[in-house]
PDB file of N, CA and C in Angstrom:
ATOM      1  N   MET A   1       7.829  17.322   0.251  1.00  0.00           N
ATOM      2  CA  MET A   1       6.960  17.802  -0.804  1.00  0.00           C
ATOM      3  C   MET A   1       6.848  16.759  -1.913  1.00  0.00           C
ATOM      4  N   HIS A   2       7.928  16.039  -2.173  1.00  0.00           N
ATOM      5  CA  HIS A   2       7.941  15.053  -3.240  1.00  0.00           C
ATOM      6  C   HIS A   2       6.979  13.903  -2.931  1.00  0.00           C
ATOM      7  N   MET A   3       6.907  13.470  -1.671  1.00  0.00           N
ATOM      8  CA  MET A   3       6.032  12.355  -1.301  1.00  0.00           C
ATOM      9  C   MET A   3       4.560  12.728  -1.543  1.00  0.00           C
ATOM     10  N   ILE A   4       4.205  13.969  -1.281  1.00  0.00           N
ATOM     11  CA  ILE A   4       2.835  14.420  -1.520  1.00  0.00           C
ATOM     12  C   ILE A   4       2.531  14.349  -3.010  1.00  0.00           C
ATOM     13  N   SER A   5       3.498  14.718  -3.826  1.00  0.00           N
ATOM     14  CA  SER A   5       3.322  14.652  -5.275  1.00  0.00           C
ATOM     15  C   SER A   5       3.109  13.216  -5.743  1.00  0.00           C
ATOM     16  N   VAL A   6       3.885  12.291  -5.181  1.00  0.00           N
ATOM     17  CA  VAL A   6       3.752  10.885  -5.554  1.00  0.00           C
ATOM     18  C   VAL A   6       2.379  10.368  -5.148  1.00  0.00           C
ATOM     19  N   LEU A   7       1.941  10.685  -3.923  1.00  0.00           N
ATOM     20  CA  LEU A   7       0.624  10.234  -3.472  1.00  0.00           C
ATOM     21  C   LEU A   7      -0.482  10.839  -4.327  1.00  0.00           C
ATOM     22  N   ASN A   8      -0.336  12.089  -4.706  1.00  0.00           N
ATOM     23  CA  ASN A   8      -1.318  12.711  -5.597  1.00  0.00           C
ATOM     24  C   ASN A   8      -1.390  11.966  -6.915  1.00  0.00           C
ATOM     25  N   ASP A   9      -0.234  11.605  -7.459  1.00  0.00           N
ATOM     26  CA  ASP A   9      -0.205  10.862  -8.721  1.00  0.00           C
ATOM     27  C   ASP A   9      -0.882   9.504  -8.568  1.00  0.00           C
ATOM     28  N   LEU A  10      -0.639   8.839  -7.441  1.00  0.00           N
ATOM     29  CA  LEU A  10      -1.247   7.532  -7.217  1.00  0.00           C
ATOM     30  C   LEU A  10      -2.765   7.624  -7.128  1.00  0.00           C
ATOM     31  N   LEU A  11      -3.251   8.670  -6.493  1.00  0.00           N
ATOM     32  CA  LEU A  11      -4.680   8.791  -6.262  1.00  0.00           C
ATOM     33  C   LEU A  11      -5.436   9.406  -7.436  1.00  0.00           C
ATOM     34  N   ALA A  12      -4.808  10.326  -8.160  1.00  0.00           N
ATOM     35  CA  ALA A  12      -5.546  11.087  -9.163  1.00  0.00           C
ATOM     36  C   ALA A  12      -5.232  10.705 -10.607  1.00  0.00           C
ATOM     37  N   ALA A  13      -4.259   9.852 -10.810  1.00  0.00           N
ATOM     38  CA  ALA A  13      -3.905   9.493 -12.186  1.00  0.00           C
ATOM     39  C   ALA A  13      -5.035   8.721 -12.847  1.00  0.00           C
ATOM     40  N   PRO A  14      -5.182   8.851 -14.153  1.00  0.00           N
ATOM     41  CA  PRO A  14      -6.237   8.101 -14.836  1.00  0.00           C
ATOM     42  C   PRO A  14      -6.036   6.598 -14.697  1.00  0.00           C
ATOM     43  N   ALA A  15      -7.133   5.900 -14.663  1.00  0.00           N
ATOM     44  CA  ALA A  15      -7.081   4.442 -14.554  1.00  0.00           C
ATOM     45  C   ALA A  15      -6.484   3.864 -15.827  1.00  0.00           C
ATOM     46  N   PRO A  16      -5.844   2.701 -15.740  1.00  0.00           N
ATOM     47  CA  PRO A  16      -5.212   2.110 -16.921  1.00  0.00           C
ATOM     48  C   PRO A  16      -6.190   1.781 -18.049  1.00  0.00           C
ATOM     49  N   ASP A  17      -7.482   1.657 -17.750  1.00  0.00           N
ATOM     50  CA  ASP A  17      -8.427   1.317 -18.809  1.00  0.00           C
ATOM     51  C   ASP A  17      -8.739   2.511 -19.722  1.00  0.00           C
ATOM     52  N   GLY A  18      -8.205   3.695 -19.369  1.00  0.00           N
ATOM     53  CA  GLY A  18      -8.312   4.846 -20.250  1.00  0.00           C
ATOM     54  C   GLY A  18      -9.604   5.624 -20.135  1.00  0.00           C
ATOM     55  N   ASP A  19     -10.427   5.367 -19.114  1.00  0.00           N
ATOM     56  CA  ASP A  19     -11.684   6.101 -19.005  1.00  0.00           C
ATOM     57  C   ASP A  19     -11.507   7.474 -18.369  1.00  0.00           C
ATOM     58  N   GLY A  20     -10.286   7.790 -17.909  1.00  0.00           N
ATOM     59  CA  GLY A  20     -10.024   9.114 -17.370  1.00  0.00           C
ATOM     60  C   GLY A  20     -10.406   9.266 -15.922  1.00  0.00           C
ATOM     61  N   GLY A  21     -10.997   8.262 -15.307  1.00  0.00           N
ATOM     62  CA  GLY A  21     -11.394   8.352 -13.910  1.00  0.00           C
ATOM     63  C   GLY A  21     -10.246   8.013 -12.978  1.00  0.00           C
ATOM     64  N   PRO A  22     -10.449   8.232 -11.687  1.00  0.00           N
ATOM     65  CA  PRO A  22      -9.400   7.920 -10.717  1.00  0.00           C
ATOM     66  C   PRO A  22      -9.245   6.406 -10.544  1.00  0.00           C
ATOM     67  N   HIS A  23      -8.108   6.006  -9.985  1.00  0.00           N
ATOM     68  CA  HIS A  23      -7.858   4.600  -9.692  1.00  0.00           C
ATOM     69  C   HIS A  23      -8.822   4.098  -8.623  1.00  0.00           C
ATOM     70  N   SER A  24      -9.088   2.812  -8.651  1.00  0.00           N
ATOM     71  CA  SER A  24      -9.872   2.218  -7.575  1.00  0.00           C
ATOM     72  C   SER A  24      -8.973   2.043  -6.358  1.00  0.00           C
ATOM     73  N   ILE A  25      -9.590   1.772  -5.223  1.00  0.00           N
ATOM     74  CA  ILE A  25      -8.831   1.579  -3.993  1.00  0.00           C
ATOM     75  C   ILE A  25      -7.862   0.406  -4.153  1.00  0.00           C
ATOM     76  N   ALA A  26      -8.282  -0.658  -4.809  1.00  0.00           N
ATOM     77  CA  ALA A  26      -7.414  -1.822  -4.995  1.00  0.00           C
ATOM     78  C   ALA A  26      -6.171  -1.449  -5.806  1.00  0.00           C
ATOM     79  N   GLN A  27      -6.349  -0.601  -6.831  1.00  0.00           N
ATOM     80  CA  GLN A  27      -5.208  -0.180  -7.641  1.00  0.00           C
ATOM     81  C   GLN A  27      -4.269   0.709  -6.833  1.00  0.00           C
ATOM     82  N   VAL A  28      -4.824   1.596  -6.021  1.00  0.00           N
ATOM     83  CA  VAL A  28      -4.000   2.467  -5.183  1.00  0.00           C
ATOM     84  C   VAL A  28      -3.205   1.632  -4.193  1.00  0.00           C
ATOM     85  N   ILE A  29      -3.853   0.645  -3.574  1.00  0.00           N
ATOM     86  CA  ILE A  29      -3.158  -0.225  -2.620  1.00  0.00           C
ATOM     87  C   ILE A  29      -2.059  -1.006  -3.325  1.00  0.00           C
ATOM     88  N   ALA A  30      -2.317  -1.487  -4.522  1.00  0.00           N
ATOM     89  CA  ALA A  30      -1.301  -2.224  -5.277  1.00  0.00           C
ATOM     90  C   ALA A  30      -0.107  -1.321  -5.602  1.00  0.00           C
ATOM     91  N   ASN A  31      -0.378  -0.086  -5.994  1.00  0.00           N
ATOM     92  CA  ASN A  31       0.711   0.857  -6.294  1.00  0.00           C
ATOM     93  C   ASN A  31       1.537   1.155  -5.049  1.00  0.00           C
ATOM     94  N   ILE A  32       0.869   1.408  -3.949  1.00  0.00           N
ATOM     95  CA  ILE A  32       1.569   1.711  -2.704  1.00  0.00           C
ATOM     96  C   ILE A  32       2.363   0.499  -2.240  1.00  0.00           C
ATOM     97  N   THR A  33       1.806  -0.696  -2.395  1.00  0.00           N
ATOM     98  CA  THR A  33       2.517  -1.916  -2.013  1.00  0.00           C
ATOM     99  C   THR A  33       3.809  -2.044  -2.803  1.00  0.00           C
ATOM    100  N   GLY A  34       3.755  -1.767  -4.079  1.00  0.00           N
ATOM    101  CA  GLY A  34       4.960  -1.824  -4.911  1.00  0.00           C
ATOM    102  C   GLY A  34       6.028  -0.852  -4.441  1.00  0.00           C
ATOM    103  N   TRP A  35       5.608   0.371  -4.141  1.00  0.00           N
ATOM    104  CA  TRP A  35       6.553   1.378  -3.653  1.00  0.00           C
ATOM    105  C   TRP A  35       7.167   0.947  -2.322  1.00  0.00           C
ATOM    106  N   VAL A  36       6.328   0.498  -1.401  1.00  0.00           N
ATOM    107  CA  VAL A  36       6.809   0.114  -0.068  1.00  0.00           C
ATOM    108  C   VAL A  36       7.772  -1.069  -0.168  1.00  0.00           C
ATOM    109  N   MET A  37       7.422  -2.054  -0.987  1.00  0.00           N
ATOM    110  CA  MET A  37       8.308  -3.212  -1.156  1.00  0.00           C
ATOM    111  C   MET A  37       9.663  -2.778  -1.719  1.00  0.00           C
ATOM    112  N   GLY A  38       9.658  -1.874  -2.657  1.00  0.00           N
ATOM    113  CA  GLY A  38      10.907  -1.380  -3.225  1.00  0.00           C
ATOM    114  C   GLY A  38      11.755  -0.644  -2.214  1.00  0.00           C
ATOM    115  N   ILE A  39      11.118   0.200  -1.418  1.00  0.00           N
ATOM    116  CA  ILE A  39      11.844   0.960  -0.398  1.00  0.00           C
ATOM    117  C   ILE A  39      12.421   0.015   0.651  1.00  0.00           C
ATOM    118  N   ILE A  40      11.627  -0.955   1.097  1.00  0.00           N
ATOM    119  CA  ILE A  40      12.107  -1.915   2.091  1.00  0.00           C
ATOM    120  C   ILE A  40      13.283  -2.709   1.534  1.00  0.00           C
ATOM    121  N   ALA A  41      13.205  -3.127   0.282  1.00  0.00           N
ATOM    122  CA  ALA A  41      14.298  -3.897  -0.319  1.00  0.00           C
ATOM    123  C   ALA A  41      15.573  -3.065  -0.421  1.00  0.00           C
ATOM    124  N   VAL A  42      15.459  -1.791  -0.760  1.00  0.00           N
ATOM    125  CA  VAL A  42      16.635  -0.921  -0.850  1.00  0.00           C
ATOM    126  C   VAL A  42      17.275  -0.746   0.525  1.00  0.00           C
ATOM    127  N   VAL A  43      16.455  -0.491   1.538  1.00  0.00           N
ATOM    128  CA  VAL A  43      16.985  -0.313   2.896  1.00  0.00           C
ATOM    129  C   VAL A  43      17.631  -1.611   3.385  1.00  0.00           C
ATOM    130  N   ALA A  44      17.002  -2.748   3.116  1.00  0.00           N
ATOM    131  CA  ALA A  44      17.569  -4.029   3.531  1.00  0.00           C
ATOM    132  C   ALA A  44      18.907  -4.274   2.839  1.00  0.00           C
ATOM    133  N   THR A  45      19.011  -3.914   1.577  1.00  0.00           N
ATOM    134  CA  THR A  45      20.268  -4.077   0.858  1.00  0.00           C
ATOM    135  C   THR A  45      21.353  -3.192   1.459  1.00  0.00           C
ATOM    136  N   MET A  46      20.997  -1.978   1.847  1.00  0.00           N
ATOM    137  CA  MET A  46      21.967  -1.098   2.500  1.00  0.00           C
ATOM    138  C   MET A  46      22.455  -1.726   3.808  1.00  0.00           C
ATOM    139  N   PHE A  47      21.545  -2.277   4.617  1.00  0.00           N
ATOM    140  CA  PHE A  47      21.941  -2.919   5.864  1.00  0.00           C
ATOM    141  C   PHE A  47      22.857  -4.111   5.595  1.00  0.00           C
ATOM    142  N   LEU A  48      22.568  -4.870   4.548  1.00  0.00           N
ATOM    143  CA  LEU A  48      23.399  -6.025   4.208  1.00  0.00           C
ATOM    144  C   LEU A  48      24.808  -5.585   3.809  1.00  0.00           C
ATOM    145  N   VAL A  49      24.907  -4.545   3.009  1.00  0.00           N
ATOM    146  CA  VAL A  49      26.213  -4.039   2.584  1.00  0.00           C
ATOM    147  C   VAL A  49      26.983  -3.485   3.784  1.00  0.00           C
ATOM    148  N   ILE A  50      26.318  -2.704   4.624  1.00  0.00           N
ATOM    149  CA  ILE A  50      26.978  -2.143   5.803  1.00  0.00           C
ATOM    150  C   ILE A  50      27.447  -3.257   6.730  1.00  0.00           C
ATOM    151  N   GLY A  51      26.604  -4.259   6.925  1.00  0.00           N
ATOM    152  CA  GLY A  51      26.987  -5.382   7.772  1.00  0.00           C
ATOM    153  C   GLY A  51      28.189  -6.123   7.219  1.00  0.00           C
ATOM    154  N   GLY A  52      28.210  -6.348   5.916  1.00  0.00           N
ATOM    155  CA  GLY A  52      29.345  -7.021   5.294  1.00  0.00           C
ATOM    156  C   GLY A  52      30.623  -6.220   5.424  1.00  0.00           C
ATOM    157  N   LEU A  53      30.531  -4.909   5.198  1.00  0.00           N
ATOM    158  CA  LEU A  53      31.716  -4.062   5.329  1.00  0.00           C
ATOM    159  C   LEU A  53      32.215  -4.025   6.770  1.00  0.00           C
ATOM    160  N   ARG A  54      31.277  -3.935   7.717  1.00  0.00           N
ATOM    161  CA  ARG A  54      31.680  -3.953   9.135  1.00  0.00           C
ATOM    162  C   ARG A  54      32.345  -5.269   9.505  1.00  0.00           C
ATOM    163  N   TYR A  55      31.820  -6.369   8.993  1.00  0.00           N
ATOM    164  CA  TYR A  55      32.384  -7.675   9.305  1.00  0.00           C
ATOM    165  C   TYR A  55      33.806  -7.795   8.755  1.00  0.00           C
ATOM    166  N   MET A  56      34.006  -7.295   7.529  1.00  0.00           N
ATOM    167  CA  MET A  56      35.343  -7.368   6.927  1.00  0.00           C
ATOM    168  C   MET A  56      36.328  -6.454   7.656  1.00  0.00           C
ATOM    169  N   ALA A  57      35.832  -5.312   8.148  1.00  0.00           N
ATOM    170  CA  ALA A  57      36.712  -4.346   8.806  1.00  0.00           C
ATOM    171  C   ALA A  57      36.846  -4.597  10.308  1.00  0.00           C
ATOM    172  N   ALA A  58      36.169  -5.600  10.842  1.00  0.00           N
ATOM    173  CA  ALA A  58      36.169  -5.829  12.288  1.00  0.00           C
ATOM    174  C   ALA A  58      37.555  -6.194  12.813  1.00  0.00           C
ATOM    175  N   GLY A  59      38.322  -6.914  12.041  1.00  0.00           N
ATOM    176  CA  GLY A  59      39.668  -7.272  12.470  1.00  0.00           C
ATOM    177  C   GLY A  59      39.682  -8.132  13.722  1.00  0.00           C
ATOM    178  N   GLY A  60      38.664  -8.925  13.935  1.00  0.00           N
ATOM    179  CA  GLY A  60      38.612  -9.810  15.094  1.00  0.00           C
ATOM    180  C   GLY A  60      38.030  -9.177  16.339  1.00  0.00           C
ATOM    181  N   ASP A  61      37.645  -7.896  16.299  1.00  0.00           N
ATOM    182  CA  ASP A  61      37.044  -7.231  17.460  1.00  0.00           C
ATOM    183  C   ASP A  61      35.633  -7.775  17.668  1.00  0.00           C
ATOM    184  N   PRO A  62      35.390  -8.441  18.802  1.00  0.00           N
ATOM    185  CA  PRO A  62      34.077  -9.070  19.020  1.00  0.00           C
ATOM    186  C   PRO A  62      32.903  -8.085  18.991  1.00  0.00           C
ATOM    187  N   ALA A  63      33.116  -6.880  19.469  1.00  0.00           N
ATOM    188  CA  ALA A  63      32.027  -5.891  19.469  1.00  0.00           C
ATOM    189  C   ALA A  63      31.654  -5.512  18.036  1.00  0.00           C
ATOM    190  N   GLN A  64      32.663  -5.320  17.197  1.00  0.00           N
ATOM    191  CA  GLN A  64      32.397  -4.970  15.797  1.00  0.00           C
ATOM    192  C   GLN A  64      31.744  -6.126  15.056  1.00  0.00           C
ATOM    193  N   VAL A  65      32.169  -7.354  15.359  1.00  0.00           N
ATOM    194  CA  VAL A  65      31.572  -8.526  14.716  1.00  0.00           C
ATOM    195  C   VAL A  65      30.100  -8.634  15.105  1.00  0.00           C
ATOM    196  N   GLU A  66      29.760  -8.380  16.357  1.00  0.00           N
ATOM    197  CA  GLU A  66      28.363  -8.438  16.798  1.00  0.00           C
ATOM    198  C   GLU A  66      27.518  -7.364  16.114  1.00  0.00           C
ATOM    199  N   GLN A  67      28.090  -6.162  15.944  1.00  0.00           N
ATOM    200  CA  GLN A  67      27.368  -5.107  15.227  1.00  0.00           C
ATOM    201  C   GLN A  67      27.127  -5.513  13.783  1.00  0.00           C
ATOM    202  N   ALA A  68      28.115  -6.128  13.172  1.00  0.00           N
ATOM    203  CA  ALA A  68      27.966  -6.580  11.789  1.00  0.00           C
ATOM    204  C   ALA A  68      26.883  -7.640  11.698  1.00  0.00           C
ATOM    205  N   LYS A  69      26.874  -8.581  12.630  1.00  0.00           N
ATOM    206  CA  LYS A  69      25.843  -9.620  12.632  1.00  0.00           C
ATOM    207  C   LYS A  69      24.462  -9.007  12.831  1.00  0.00           C
ATOM    208  N   GLY A  70      24.363  -7.982  13.666  1.00  0.00           N
ATOM    209  CA  GLY A  70      23.090  -7.286  13.855  1.00  0.00           C
ATOM    210  C   GLY A  70      22.601  -6.639  12.575  1.00  0.00           C
ATOM    211  N   ASN A  71      23.528  -6.040  11.819  1.00  0.00           N
ATOM    212  CA  ASN A  71      23.156  -5.441  10.536  1.00  0.00           C
ATOM    213  C   ASN A  71      22.658  -6.487   9.551  1.00  0.00           C
ATOM    214  N   VAL A  72      23.313  -7.626   9.498  1.00  0.00           N
ATOM    215  CA  VAL A  72      22.901  -8.685   8.586  1.00  0.00           C
ATOM    216  C   VAL A  72      21.533  -9.238   8.998  1.00  0.00           C
ATOM    217  N   LYS A  73      21.316  -9.400  10.299  1.00  0.00           N
ATOM    218  CA  LYS A  73      20.000  -9.860  10.775  1.00  0.00           C
ATOM    219  C   LYS A  73      18.910  -8.858  10.406  1.00  0.00           C
ATOM    220  N   SER A  74      19.206  -7.570  10.549  1.00  0.00           N
ATOM    221  CA  SER A  74      18.238  -6.542  10.166  1.00  0.00           C
ATOM    222  C   SER A  74      17.926  -6.616   8.679  1.00  0.00           C
ATOM    223  N   ALA A  75      18.940  -6.867   7.868  1.00  0.00           N
ATOM    224  CA  ALA A  75      18.734  -6.989   6.423  1.00  0.00           C
ATOM    225  C   ALA A  75      17.830  -8.174   6.117  1.00  0.00           C
ATOM    226  N   LEU A  76      18.068  -9.299   6.776  1.00  0.00           N
ATOM    227  CA  LEU A  76      17.228 -10.481   6.531  1.00  0.00           C
ATOM    228  C   LEU A  76      15.780 -10.227   6.948  1.00  0.00           C
ATOM    229  N   ILE A  77      15.589  -9.528   8.054  1.00  0.00           N
ATOM    230  CA  ILE A  77      14.227  -9.176   8.480  1.00  0.00           C
ATOM    231  C   ILE A  77      13.579  -8.254   7.447  1.00  0.00           C
ATOM    232  N   GLY A  78      14.354  -7.310   6.914  1.00  0.00           N
ATOM    233  CA  GLY A  78      13.829  -6.403   5.889  1.00  0.00           C
ATOM    234  C   GLY A  78      13.418  -7.138   4.630  1.00  0.00           C
ATOM    235  N   TYR A  79      14.238  -8.085   4.189  1.00  0.00           N
ATOM    236  CA  TYR A  79      13.879  -8.872   3.012  1.00  0.00           C
ATOM    237  C   TYR A  79      12.626  -9.701   3.269  1.00  0.00           C
ATOM    238  N   ALA A  80      12.516 -10.261   4.478  1.00  0.00           N
ATOM    239  CA  ALA A  80      11.322 -11.042   4.823  1.00  0.00           C
ATOM    240  C   ALA A  80      10.083 -10.157   4.785  1.00  0.00           C
ATOM    241  N   LEU A  81      10.188  -8.939   5.307  1.00  0.00           N
ATOM    242  CA  LEU A  81       9.051  -8.011   5.272  1.00  0.00           C
ATOM    243  C   LEU A  81       8.673  -7.659   3.835  1.00  0.00           C
ATOM    244  N   ALA A  82       9.665  -7.439   2.997  1.00  0.00           N
ATOM    245  CA  ALA A  82       9.382  -7.090   1.602  1.00  0.00           C
ATOM    246  C   ALA A  82       8.669  -8.229   0.892  1.00  0.00           C
ATOM    247  N   VAL A  83       9.059  -9.466   1.201  1.00  0.00           N
ATOM    248  CA  VAL A  83       8.429 -10.623   0.561  1.00  0.00           C
ATOM    249  C   VAL A  83       7.033 -10.863   1.115  1.00  0.00           C
ATOM    250  N   LEU A  84       6.866 -10.656   2.423  1.00  0.00           N
ATOM    251  CA  LEU A  84       5.592 -10.958   3.066  1.00  0.00           C
ATOM    252  C   LEU A  84       4.563  -9.824   2.966  1.00  0.00           C
ATOM    253  N   ALA A  85       4.974  -8.637   2.562  1.00  0.00           N
ATOM    254  CA  ALA A  85       4.041  -7.506   2.499  1.00  0.00           C
ATOM    255  C   ALA A  85       2.812  -7.803   1.640  1.00  0.00           C
ATOM    256  N   PRO A  86       2.952  -8.332   0.430  1.00  0.00           N
ATOM    257  CA  PRO A  86       1.759  -8.611  -0.369  1.00  0.00           C
ATOM    258  C   PRO A  86       0.875  -9.683   0.266  1.00  0.00           C
ATOM    259  N   VAL A  87       1.495 -10.659   0.911  1.00  0.00           N
ATOM    260  CA  VAL A  87       0.721 -11.720   1.569  1.00  0.00           C
ATOM    261  C   VAL A  87      -0.113 -11.132   2.701  1.00  0.00           C
ATOM    262  N   VAL A  88       0.512 -10.296   3.510  1.00  0.00           N
ATOM    263  CA  VAL A  88      -0.202  -9.673   4.627  1.00  0.00           C
ATOM    264  C   VAL A  88      -1.347  -8.812   4.104  1.00  0.00           C
ATOM    265  N   LEU A  89      -1.109  -8.065   3.035  1.00  0.00           N
ATOM    266  CA  LEU A  89      -2.176  -7.229   2.472  1.00  0.00           C
ATOM    267  C   LEU A  89      -3.318  -8.075   1.917  1.00  0.00           C
ATOM    268  N   GLN A  90      -3.011  -9.200   1.293  1.00  0.00           N
ATOM    269  CA  GLN A  90      -4.063 -10.088   0.788  1.00  0.00           C
ATOM    270  C   GLN A  90      -4.903 -10.644   1.922  1.00  0.00           C
ATOM    271  N   VAL A  91      -4.242 -11.026   3.027  1.00  0.00           N
ATOM    272  CA  VAL A  91      -4.969 -11.552   4.186  1.00  0.00           C
ATOM    273  C   VAL A  91      -5.864 -10.472   4.764  1.00  0.00           C
ATOM    274  N   LEU A  92      -5.336  -9.262   4.922  1.00  0.00           N
ATOM    275  CA  LEU A  92      -6.148  -8.165   5.453  1.00  0.00           C
ATOM    276  C   LEU A  92      -7.306  -7.830   4.522  1.00  0.00           C
ATOM    277  N   GLN A  93      -7.047  -7.868   3.237  1.00  0.00           N
ATOM    278  CA  GLN A  93      -8.111  -7.591   2.268  1.00  0.00           C
ATOM    279  C   GLN A  93      -9.183  -8.659   2.342  1.00  0.00           C
ATOM    280  N   GLY A  94      -8.780  -9.911   2.538  1.00  0.00           N
ATOM    281  CA  GLY A  94      -9.756 -10.992   2.674  1.00  0.00           C
ATOM    282  C   GLY A  94     -10.579 -10.858   3.942  1.00  0.00           C
ATOM    283  N   ILE A  95      -9.939 -10.452   5.036  1.00  0.00           N
ATOM    284  CA  ILE A  95     -10.646 -10.289   6.311  1.00  0.00           C
ATOM    285  C   ILE A  95     -11.627  -9.138   6.226  1.00  0.00           C
ATOM    286  N   LEU A  96     -11.199  -8.036   5.599  1.00  0.00           N
ATOM    287  CA  LEU A  96     -12.039  -6.845   5.520  1.00  0.00           C
ATOM    288  C   LEU A  96     -13.075  -6.946   4.391  1.00  0.00           C
ATOM    289  N   GLY A  97     -12.960  -7.969   3.578  1.00  0.00           N
ATOM    290  CA  GLY A  97     -13.946  -8.157   2.512  1.00  0.00           C
ATOM    291  C   GLY A  97     -13.720  -7.283   1.306  1.00  0.00           C
ATOM    292  N   GLY A  98     -12.475  -6.846   1.089  1.00  0.00           N
ATOM    293  CA  GLY A  98     -12.179  -5.961  -0.041  1.00  0.00           C
ATOM    294  C   GLY A  98     -11.905  -6.739  -1.204  1.00  0.00           C
TER     295      GLY A  98
END
């Protein structure tokens, strides 16, 4: 229910210029991009912390060390996605003519 409320706020909130109208599509996409980047960064940070804790607690067990390395790799992929998200959206916007 909370996500619907957030999307409603993104779509129906007055534009920053104060005219009382809804946001433009570009503003909505920018808002959603910010939210998505934040969520991806939080999840990636969780994977990094879990991977670090697993690595410290592995005690030399090769299976645990591999799981920890997998978590760290997932975190790095998540950070890369968070950084590249605006770039990908700009490219798509350029292709679609937005």
